[in-house]
Amino acid sequence: MKRPTARHSPETLSATQLLGSALRSARIRRRITQQQLGDRAGLGKQTIGRLEAGDPGIALGNFLEVLQVLERPWTSDLVEMIEDDRRGRALEIQRLPSRVVSDDF
């Protein structure tokens, strides 16, 4: 049975294309070919091409593996940015109850 095709928002499609383009530029600056990057990441040249083209169907693990090969700290920087989650923390603080103080004191 064939899996249903995921539909991605225009924002997601734009972001995957920007990420792909940025990864392509990073690879070229390091003067390595798609084949070399694929070999180092344990992926095929075709997968690297799809990633660089902004294909939203590329597995997250493959994307992270390429980040590790290009620049190891990028993966931890990405995780740190998501963990920081400033907007989420601000929303969490807004939902916290106010401290209740008894009038008996």
Protein backbone atom coordinates (compact mmCIF):
# COMPACT_ATOMS: atom_id res chain seq x y z
CA MET A 1 0.00 0.00 0.00
CA LYS A 2 1.38 3.38 -1.01
CA ARG A 3 1.85 6.04 1.66
CA PRO A 4 -0.13 9.25 1.21
CA THR A 5 1.91 12.14 -0.13
CA ALA A 6 2.66 14.79 2.49
CA ARG A 7 1.55 18.29 1.66
CA HIS A 8 3.91 21.01 2.76
CA SER A 9 3.10 24.65 3.35
CA PRO A 10 4.66 27.28 1.09
CA GLU A 11 6.77 28.40 4.07
CA THR A 12 8.15 24.89 4.53
CA LEU A 13 8.91 24.53 0.83
CA SER A 14 10.67 27.88 0.81
CA ALA A 15 12.69 26.95 3.90
CA THR A 16 13.79 23.60 2.44
CA GLN A 17 14.93 25.35 -0.73
CA LEU A 18 16.88 27.94 1.27
CA LEU A 19 18.46 25.22 3.41
CA GLY A 20 19.35 23.21 0.32
CA SER A 21 20.92 26.20 -1.35
CA ALA A 22 22.89 27.05 1.79
CA LEU A 23 24.16 23.47 2.09
CA ARG A 24 25.18 23.50 -1.57
CA SER A 25 27.12 26.74 -1.03
CA ALA A 26 28.80 25.30 2.09
CA ARG A 27 29.81 22.19 0.14
CA ILE A 28 31.22 24.22 -2.76
CA ARG A 29 33.17 26.51 -0.39
CA ARG A 30 34.81 23.36 0.99
CA ARG A 31 35.62 22.27 -2.58
CA ILE A 32 34.02 18.87 -2.28
CA THR A 33 31.74 17.18 -4.80
CA GLN A 34 28.27 15.82 -4.14
CA GLN A 35 29.75 12.34 -4.46
CA GLN A 36 32.45 13.08 -1.86
CA LEU A 37 29.90 14.57 0.54
CA GLY A 38 27.63 11.60 0.03
CA ASP A 39 30.47 9.14 0.66
CA ARG A 40 31.43 10.93 3.88
CA ALA A 41 27.81 11.08 5.06
CA GLY A 42 27.00 7.52 4.02
CA LEU A 43 24.49 8.74 1.43
CA GLY A 44 24.18 8.54 -2.32
CA LYS A 45 24.98 11.38 -4.71
CA GLN A 46 21.30 11.45 -5.71
CA THR A 47 20.24 12.03 -2.09
CA ILE A 48 22.71 14.92 -1.78
CA GLY A 49 21.29 16.39 -4.99
CA ARG A 50 17.75 16.11 -3.66
CA LEU A 51 18.81 17.73 -0.40
CA GLU A 52 20.50 20.61 -2.19
CA ALA A 53 17.44 21.04 -4.42
CA GLY A 54 15.28 21.53 -1.33
CA ASP A 55 13.32 18.26 -1.51
CA PRO A 56 11.17 18.27 1.65
CA GLY A 57 10.98 14.48 1.57
CA ILE A 58 14.61 13.98 2.63
CA ALA A 59 14.85 12.18 5.97
CA LEU A 60 15.83 14.33 8.94
CA GLY A 61 18.61 11.89 9.79
CA ASN A 62 20.14 12.37 6.34
CA PHE A 63 20.01 16.14 6.72
CA LEU A 64 21.72 15.95 10.13
CA GLU A 65 24.36 13.56 8.80
CA VAL A 66 25.26 16.09 6.08
CA LEU A 67 25.47 18.86 8.71
CA GLN A 68 27.86 16.69 10.74
CA VAL A 69 30.11 16.19 7.72
CA LEU A 70 30.14 19.84 6.66
CA GLU A 71 30.56 21.40 10.09
CA ARG A 72 30.16 19.28 13.23
CA PRO A 73 29.07 22.13 15.59
CA TRP A 74 26.09 23.01 13.36
CA THR A 75 24.10 20.06 14.65
CA SER A 76 24.58 20.98 18.30
CA ASP A 77 23.91 24.65 17.47
CA LEU A 78 20.60 23.65 15.88
CA VAL A 79 19.59 21.57 18.91
CA GLU A 80 20.62 24.38 21.27
CA MET A 81 18.54 26.91 19.33
CA ILE A 82 15.45 24.70 19.52
CA GLU A 83 15.98 23.98 23.22
CA ASP A 84 16.32 27.72 23.91
CA ASP A 85 12.77 28.26 22.55
CA ARG A 86 12.36 31.84 23.77
CA ARG A 87 8.80 32.19 22.47
CA GLY A 88 7.71 28.93 24.08
CA ARG A 89 9.24 29.88 27.39
CA ALA A 90 7.50 33.27 27.31
CA LEU A 91 4.16 31.55 26.66
CA GLU A 92 4.85 29.13 29.49
CA ILE A 93 5.51 32.00 31.92
CA GLN A 94 2.26 33.72 30.87
CA ARG A 95 0.29 30.58 31.75
CA LEU A 96 1.82 30.17 35.21
CA PRO A 97 -0.62 31.01 37.99
CA SER A 98 0.01 34.10 40.05
CA ARG A 99 1.22 33.43 43.56
CA VAL A 100 -1.69 33.40 45.99
CA VAL A 101 -0.98 35.02 49.35
CA SER A 102 -3.28 34.48 52.31
CA ASP A 103 -4.75 37.58 53.97
CA ASP A 104 -4.24 35.97 57.40
CA PHE A 105 -0.62 37.11 57.65
